[in-house]
Amino acid sequence: MTDYVPVSCELYDRLEEVSLRKKSVALELNDAQGRRIFLKVRIADLISENREEFAMLDDGERIRLDRILKLH
C-alpha cells in the first residue's frame, strides 16, 4: 500500500457531516489497484489507525480517505 496522504479539511468535514447525518453518498475513488470506481455508501464513522484515516461503512468495509476523489 502507498503512503497515506492526509485529505483536505474541507473533504474531511464533508465526510464527517455525511457520517453524522447517516446519509447515503456516492463516492468516486481509486481502488487498491488504482482503478477509478463509483460506490453508493453510508458512512458509519471516521477512524484513525496507524496514522491513516478511514471511512467505516455501515456494511463493515473501510475506505482509506486519501483514496476518495469526490463526493457526489
PDB file of N, CA and C in Angstrom:
ATOM      1  N   MET A   1       0.843  -1.172   0.000  1.00  0.00           N
ATOM      2  CA  MET A   1       0.000   0.000   0.000  1.00  0.00           C
ATOM      3  C   MET A   1       0.892   1.239   0.000  1.00  0.00           C
ATOM      4  N   THR A   2       0.430   2.290  -0.620  1.00  0.00           N
ATOM      5  CA  THR A   2       1.207   3.528  -0.696  1.00  0.00           C
ATOM      6  C   THR A   2       1.104   4.303   0.613  1.00  0.00           C
ATOM      7  N   ASP A   3       2.025   5.246   0.800  1.00  0.00           N
ATOM      8  CA  ASP A   3       1.999   6.092   1.990  1.00  0.00           C
ATOM      9  C   ASP A   3       0.730   6.930   2.007  1.00  0.00           C
ATOM     10  N   TYR A   4       0.172   7.081   3.187  1.00  0.00           N
ATOM     11  CA  TYR A   4      -1.048   7.863   3.356  1.00  0.00           C
ATOM     12  C   TYR A   4      -0.766   9.345   3.154  1.00  0.00           C
ATOM     13  N   VAL A   5      -1.664  10.006   2.431  1.00  0.00           N
ATOM     14  CA  VAL A   5      -1.593  11.456   2.223  1.00  0.00           C
ATOM     15  C   VAL A   5      -2.831  12.058   2.886  1.00  0.00           C
ATOM     16  N   PRO A   6      -2.658  12.888   3.913  1.00  0.00           N
ATOM     17  CA  PRO A   6      -3.826  13.458   4.596  1.00  0.00           C
ATOM     18  C   PRO A   6      -4.746  14.205   3.622  1.00  0.00           C
ATOM     19  N   VAL A   7      -6.049  14.064   3.853  1.00  0.00           N
ATOM     20  CA  VAL A   7      -7.031  14.728   2.994  1.00  0.00           C
ATOM     21  C   VAL A   7      -7.227  16.161   3.466  1.00  0.00           C
ATOM     22  N   SER A   8      -7.827  16.974   2.612  1.00  0.00           N
ATOM     23  CA  SER A   8      -8.084  18.372   2.965  1.00  0.00           C
ATOM     24  C   SER A   8      -9.102  18.445   4.105  1.00  0.00           C
ATOM     25  N   CYS A   9      -9.036  19.522   4.841  1.00  0.00           N
ATOM     26  CA  CYS A   9     -10.009  19.751   5.920  1.00  0.00           C
ATOM     27  C   CYS A   9     -11.426  19.818   5.355  1.00  0.00           C
ATOM     28  N   GLU A  10     -11.560  20.397   4.169  1.00  0.00           N
ATOM     29  CA  GLU A  10     -12.877  20.509   3.533  1.00  0.00           C
ATOM     30  C   GLU A  10     -13.475  19.127   3.265  1.00  0.00           C
ATOM     31  N   LEU A  11     -12.689  18.221   2.692  1.00  0.00           N
ATOM     32  CA  LEU A  11     -13.187  16.872   2.419  1.00  0.00           C
ATOM     33  C   LEU A  11     -13.501  16.156   3.725  1.00  0.00           C
ATOM     34  N   TYR A  12     -12.620  16.260   4.695  1.00  0.00           N
ATOM     35  CA  TYR A  12     -12.849  15.591   5.979  1.00  0.00           C
ATOM     36  C   TYR A  12     -14.145  16.095   6.619  1.00  0.00           C
ATOM     37  N   ASP A  13     -14.353  17.402   6.598  1.00  0.00           N
ATOM     38  CA  ASP A  13     -15.568  17.978   7.177  1.00  0.00           C
ATOM     39  C   ASP A  13     -16.819  17.482   6.464  1.00  0.00           C
ATOM     40  N   ARG A  14     -16.761  17.373   5.149  1.00  0.00           N
ATOM     41  CA  ARG A  14     -17.922  16.867   4.389  1.00  0.00           C
ATOM     42  C   ARG A  14     -18.194  15.407   4.732  1.00  0.00           C
ATOM     43  N   LEU A  15     -17.129  14.605   4.844  1.00  0.00           N
ATOM     44  CA  LEU A  15     -17.295  13.199   5.208  1.00  0.00           C
ATOM     45  C   LEU A  15     -17.870  13.070   6.618  1.00  0.00           C
ATOM     46  N   GLU A  16     -17.395  13.903   7.517  1.00  0.00           N
ATOM     47  CA  GLU A  16     -17.883  13.879   8.894  1.00  0.00           C
ATOM     48  C   GLU A  16     -19.368  14.241   8.954  1.00  0.00           C
ATOM     49  N   GLU A  17     -19.775  15.242   8.186  1.00  0.00           N
ATOM     50  CA  GLU A  17     -21.182  15.636   8.148  1.00  0.00           C
ATOM     51  C   GLU A  17     -22.058  14.495   7.628  1.00  0.00           C
ATOM     52  N   VAL A  18     -21.622  13.858   6.553  1.00  0.00           N
ATOM     53  CA  VAL A  18     -22.372  12.737   5.983  1.00  0.00           C
ATOM     54  C   VAL A  18     -22.475  11.606   6.999  1.00  0.00           C
ATOM     55  N   SER A  19     -21.388  11.345   7.704  1.00  0.00           N
ATOM     56  CA  SER A  19     -21.376  10.291   8.716  1.00  0.00           C
ATOM     57  C   SER A  19     -22.348  10.597   9.854  1.00  0.00           C
ATOM     58  N   LEU A  20     -22.307  11.805  10.359  1.00  0.00           N
ATOM     59  CA  LEU A  20     -23.172  12.178  11.480  1.00  0.00           C
ATOM     60  C   LEU A  20     -24.649  12.141  11.112  1.00  0.00           C
ATOM     61  N   ARG A  21     -24.956  12.494   9.876  1.00  0.00           N
ATOM     62  CA  ARG A  21     -26.355  12.513   9.423  1.00  0.00           C
ATOM     63  C   ARG A  21     -26.830  11.155   8.915  1.00  0.00           C
ATOM     64  N   LYS A  22     -25.908  10.184   8.843  1.00  0.00           N
ATOM     65  CA  LYS A  22     -26.241   8.823   8.381  1.00  0.00           C
ATOM     66  C   LYS A  22     -26.864   8.830   6.989  1.00  0.00           C
ATOM     67  N   LYS A  23     -26.367   9.741   6.146  1.00  0.00           N
ATOM     68  CA  LYS A  23     -26.875   9.869   4.783  1.00  0.00           C
ATOM     69  C   LYS A  23     -26.083   8.983   3.833  1.00  0.00           C
ATOM     70  N   SER A  24     -26.760   8.462   2.814  1.00  0.00           N
ATOM     71  CA  SER A  24     -26.056   7.752   1.744  1.00  0.00           C
ATOM     72  C   SER A  24     -25.376   8.775   0.855  1.00  0.00           C
ATOM     73  N   VAL A  25     -24.227   8.408   0.338  1.00  0.00           N
ATOM     74  CA  VAL A  25     -23.463   9.308  -0.514  1.00  0.00           C
ATOM     75  C   VAL A  25     -22.806   8.486  -1.620  1.00  0.00           C
ATOM     76  N   ALA A  26     -22.655   9.098  -2.783  1.00  0.00           N
ATOM     77  CA  ALA A  26     -21.928   8.458  -3.878  1.00  0.00           C
ATOM     78  C   ALA A  26     -20.480   8.933  -3.806  1.00  0.00           C
ATOM     79  N   LEU A  27     -19.556   7.985  -3.784  1.00  0.00           N
ATOM     80  CA  LEU A  27     -18.132   8.296  -3.742  1.00  0.00           C
ATOM     81  C   LEU A  27     -17.475   7.934  -5.058  1.00  0.00           C
ATOM     82  N   GLU A  28     -16.593   8.789  -5.502  1.00  0.00           N
ATOM     83  CA  GLU A  28     -15.707   8.481  -6.622  1.00  0.00           C
ATOM     84  C   GLU A  28     -14.340   8.272  -5.984  1.00  0.00           C
ATOM     85  N   LEU A  29     -13.734   7.107  -6.235  1.00  0.00           N
ATOM     86  CA  LEU A  29     -12.470   6.812  -5.578  1.00  0.00           C
ATOM     87  C   LEU A  29     -11.600   5.904  -6.422  1.00  0.00           C
ATOM     88  N   ASN A  30     -10.345   5.807  -6.027  1.00  0.00           N
ATOM     89  CA  ASN A  30      -9.417   4.856  -6.632  1.00  0.00           C
ATOM     90  C   ASN A  30      -9.384   3.621  -5.746  1.00  0.00           C
ATOM     91  N   ASP A  31      -9.557   2.441  -6.361  1.00  0.00           N
ATOM     92  CA  ASP A  31      -9.464   1.214  -5.580  1.00  0.00           C
ATOM     93  C   ASP A  31      -7.989   0.870  -5.349  1.00  0.00           C
ATOM     94  N   ALA A  32      -7.721  -0.248  -4.695  1.00  0.00           N
ATOM     95  CA  ALA A  32      -6.351  -0.632  -4.343  1.00  0.00           C
ATOM     96  C   ALA A  32      -5.461  -0.827  -5.568  1.00  0.00           C
ATOM     97  N   GLN A  33      -6.048  -1.118  -6.727  1.00  0.00           N
ATOM     98  CA  GLN A  33      -5.280  -1.295  -7.957  1.00  0.00           C
ATOM     99  C   GLN A  33      -5.172   0.001  -8.763  1.00  0.00           C
ATOM    100  N   GLY A  34      -5.713   1.089  -8.233  1.00  0.00           N
ATOM    101  CA  GLY A  34      -5.622   2.377  -8.907  1.00  0.00           C
ATOM    102  C   GLY A  34      -6.719   2.642  -9.920  1.00  0.00           C
ATOM    103  N   ARG A  35      -7.715   1.756  -9.998  1.00  0.00           N
ATOM    104  CA  ARG A  35      -8.837   1.957 -10.921  1.00  0.00           C
ATOM    105  C   ARG A  35      -9.853   2.901 -10.293  1.00  0.00           C
ATOM    106  N   ARG A  36     -10.407   3.788 -11.094  1.00  0.00           N
ATOM    107  CA  ARG A  36     -11.442   4.707 -10.618  1.00  0.00           C
ATOM    108  C   ARG A  36     -12.765   3.958 -10.556  1.00  0.00           C
ATOM    109  N   ILE A  37     -13.413   4.017  -9.399  1.00  0.00           N
ATOM    110  CA  ILE A  37     -14.701   3.351  -9.217  1.00  0.00           C
ATOM    111  C   ILE A  37     -15.677   4.310  -8.536  1.00  0.00           C
ATOM    112  N   PHE A  38     -16.952   3.977  -8.626  1.00  0.00           N
ATOM    113  CA  PHE A  38     -18.018   4.754  -8.001  1.00  0.00           C
ATOM    114  C   PHE A  38     -18.801   3.822  -7.089  1.00  0.00           C
ATOM    115  N   LEU A  39     -19.043   4.267  -5.862  1.00  0.00           N
ATOM    116  CA  LEU A  39     -19.798   3.474  -4.894  1.00  0.00           C
ATOM    117  C   LEU A  39     -20.851   4.349  -4.232  1.00  0.00           C
ATOM    118  N   LYS A  40     -22.024   3.778  -3.988  1.00  0.00           N
ATOM    119  CA  LYS A  40     -23.020   4.456  -3.158  1.00  0.00           C
ATOM    120  C   LYS A  40     -22.954   3.776  -1.795  1.00  0.00           C
ATOM    121  N   VAL A  41     -22.629   4.569  -0.769  1.00  0.00           N
ATOM    122  CA  VAL A  41     -22.367   4.005   0.557  1.00  0.00           C
ATOM    123  C   VAL A  41     -23.018   4.851   1.643  1.00  0.00           C
ATOM    124  N   ARG A  42     -23.038   4.285   2.834  1.00  0.00           N
ATOM    125  CA  ARG A  42     -23.416   5.024   4.039  1.00  0.00           C
ATOM    126  C   ARG A  42     -22.226   4.919   4.988  1.00  0.00           C
ATOM    127  N   ILE A  43     -21.673   6.068   5.358  1.00  0.00           N
ATOM    128  CA  ILE A  43     -20.501   6.104   6.225  1.00  0.00           C
ATOM    129  C   ILE A  43     -20.970   6.080   7.677  1.00  0.00           C
ATOM    130  N   ALA A  44     -20.522   5.061   8.421  1.00  0.00           N
ATOM    131  CA  ALA A  44     -20.916   4.916   9.822  1.00  0.00           C
ATOM    132  C   ALA A  44     -20.023   5.720  10.754  1.00  0.00           C
ATOM    133  N   ASP A  45     -18.731   5.849  10.390  1.00  0.00           N
ATOM    134  CA  ASP A  45     -17.789   6.523  11.280  1.00  0.00           C
ATOM    135  C   ASP A  45     -16.510   6.842  10.522  1.00  0.00           C
ATOM    136  N   LEU A  46     -15.732   7.754  11.069  1.00  0.00           N
ATOM    137  CA  LEU A  46     -14.391   8.048  10.569  1.00  0.00           C
ATOM    138  C   LEU A  46     -13.418   7.672  11.674  1.00  0.00           C
ATOM    139  N   ILE A  47     -12.361   6.927  11.320  1.00  0.00           N
ATOM    140  CA  ILE A  47     -11.403   6.482  12.332  1.00  0.00           C
ATOM    141  C   ILE A  47      -9.979   6.746  11.868  1.00  0.00           C
ATOM    142  N   SER A  48      -9.074   6.782  12.833  1.00  0.00           N
ATOM    143  CA  SER A  48      -7.639   6.872  12.557  1.00  0.00           C
ATOM    144  C   SER A  48      -6.987   5.605  13.077  1.00  0.00           C
ATOM    145  N   GLU A  49      -6.059   5.081  12.281  1.00  0.00           N
ATOM    146  CA  GLU A  49      -5.341   3.869  12.665  1.00  0.00           C
ATOM    147  C   GLU A  49      -3.962   3.913  12.028  1.00  0.00           C
ATOM    148  N   ASN A  50      -2.918   3.787  12.820  1.00  0.00           N
ATOM    149  CA  ASN A  50      -1.540   3.800  12.309  1.00  0.00           C
ATOM    150  C   ASN A  50      -1.255   5.015  11.433  1.00  0.00           C
ATOM    151  N   ARG A  51      -1.718   6.179  11.884  1.00  0.00           N
ATOM    152  CA  ARG A  51      -1.502   7.450  11.173  1.00  0.00           C
ATOM    153  C   ARG A  51      -2.203   7.522   9.815  1.00  0.00           C
ATOM    154  N   GLU A  52      -3.221   6.720   9.631  1.00  0.00           N
ATOM    155  CA  GLU A  52      -4.054   6.754   8.426  1.00  0.00           C
ATOM    156  C   GLU A  52      -5.497   6.961   8.871  1.00  0.00           C
ATOM    157  N   GLU A  53      -6.300   7.598   8.009  1.00  0.00           N
ATOM    158  CA  GLU A  53      -7.705   7.841   8.319  1.00  0.00           C
ATOM    159  C   GLU A  53      -8.579   7.017   7.377  1.00  0.00           C
ATOM    160  N   PHE A  54      -9.672   6.493   7.929  1.00  0.00           N
ATOM    161  CA  PHE A  54     -10.563   5.621   7.180  1.00  0.00           C
ATOM    162  C   PHE A  54     -12.015   6.011   7.399  1.00  0.00           C
ATOM    163  N   ALA A  55     -12.827   5.771   6.369  1.00  0.00           N
ATOM    164  CA  ALA A  55     -14.276   5.831   6.493  1.00  0.00           C
ATOM    165  C   ALA A  55     -14.742   4.403   6.737  1.00  0.00           C
ATOM    166  N   MET A  56     -15.416   4.199   7.855  1.00  0.00           N
ATOM    167  CA  MET A  56     -16.003   2.898   8.159  1.00  0.00           C
ATOM    168  C   MET A  56     -17.428   2.908   7.613  1.00  0.00           C
ATOM    169  N   LEU A  57     -17.719   1.957   6.746  1.00  0.00           N
ATOM    170  CA  LEU A  57     -19.038   1.904   6.123  1.00  0.00           C
ATOM    171  C   LEU A  57     -19.992   1.085   6.969  1.00  0.00           C
ATOM    172  N   ASP A  58     -21.283   1.268   6.754  1.00  0.00           N
ATOM    173  CA  ASP A  58     -22.264   0.555   7.565  1.00  0.00           C
ATOM    174  C   ASP A  58     -22.247  -0.948   7.324  1.00  0.00           C
ATOM    175  N   ASP A  59     -21.622  -1.402   6.230  1.00  0.00           N
ATOM    176  CA  ASP A  59     -21.521  -2.843   5.975  1.00  0.00           C
ATOM    177  C   ASP A  59     -20.234  -3.448   6.546  1.00  0.00           C
ATOM    178  N   GLY A  60     -19.437  -2.637   7.276  1.00  0.00           N
ATOM    179  CA  GLY A  60     -18.207  -3.121   7.886  1.00  0.00           C
ATOM    180  C   GLY A  60     -16.952  -2.889   7.065  1.00  0.00           C
ATOM    181  N   GLU A  61     -17.110  -2.555   5.791  1.00  0.00           N
ATOM    182  CA  GLU A  61     -15.951  -2.265   4.943  1.00  0.00           C
ATOM    183  C   GLU A  61     -15.358  -0.927   5.356  1.00  0.00           C
ATOM    184  N   ARG A  62     -14.075  -0.729   5.040  1.00  0.00           N
ATOM    185  CA  ARG A  62     -13.460   0.570   5.310  1.00  0.00           C
ATOM    186  C   ARG A  62     -12.726   1.057   4.074  1.00  0.00           C
ATOM    187  N   ILE A  63     -12.708   2.377   3.927  1.00  0.00           N
ATOM    188  CA  ILE A  63     -12.060   3.014   2.778  1.00  0.00           C
ATOM    189  C   ILE A  63     -11.069   4.035   3.320  1.00  0.00           C
ATOM    190  N   ARG A  64      -9.824   3.927   2.872  1.00  0.00           N
ATOM    191  CA  ARG A  64      -8.824   4.907   3.285  1.00  0.00           C
ATOM    192  C   ARG A  64      -9.180   6.250   2.654  1.00  0.00           C
ATOM    193  N   LEU A  65      -9.199   7.307   3.457  1.00  0.00           N
ATOM    194  CA  LEU A  65      -9.718   8.594   2.992  1.00  0.00           C
ATOM    195  C   LEU A  65      -8.966   9.161   1.803  1.00  0.00           C
ATOM    196  N   ASP A  66      -7.664   8.927   1.706  1.00  0.00           N
ATOM    197  CA  ASP A  66      -6.925   9.517   0.587  1.00  0.00           C
ATOM    198  C   ASP A  66      -7.202   8.828  -0.744  1.00  0.00           C
ATOM    199  N   ARG A  67      -8.014   7.772  -0.740  1.00  0.00           N
ATOM    200  CA  ARG A  67      -8.440   7.143  -1.997  1.00  0.00           C
ATOM    201  C   ARG A  67      -9.683   7.821  -2.571  1.00  0.00           C
ATOM    202  N   ILE A  68     -10.366   8.618  -1.739  1.00  0.00           N
ATOM    203  CA  ILE A  68     -11.597   9.285  -2.164  1.00  0.00           C
ATOM    204  C   ILE A  68     -11.253  10.509  -3.001  1.00  0.00           C
ATOM    205  N   LEU A  69     -11.808  10.553  -4.207  1.00  0.00           N
ATOM    206  CA  LEU A  69     -11.571  11.670  -5.120  1.00  0.00           C
ATOM    207  C   LEU A  69     -12.660  12.727  -5.012  1.00  0.00           C
ATOM    208  N   LYS A  70     -13.926  12.285  -4.922  1.00  0.00           N
ATOM    209  CA  LYS A  70     -15.063  13.220  -4.879  1.00  0.00           C
ATOM    210  C   LYS A  70     -16.237  12.583  -4.157  1.00  0.00           C
ATOM    211  N   LEU A  71     -17.059  13.448  -3.578  1.00  0.00           N
ATOM    212  CA  LEU A  71     -18.370  13.058  -3.059  1.00  0.00           C
ATOM    213  C   LEU A  71     -19.404  13.602  -4.018  1.00  0.00           C
ATOM    214  N   HIS A  72     -20.400  12.799  -4.327  1.00  0.00           N
ATOM    215  CA  HIS A  72     -21.478  13.242  -5.225  1.00  0.00           C
ATOM    216  C   HIS A  72     -22.798  13.179  -4.483  1.00  0.00           C
TER     217      HIS A  72
END
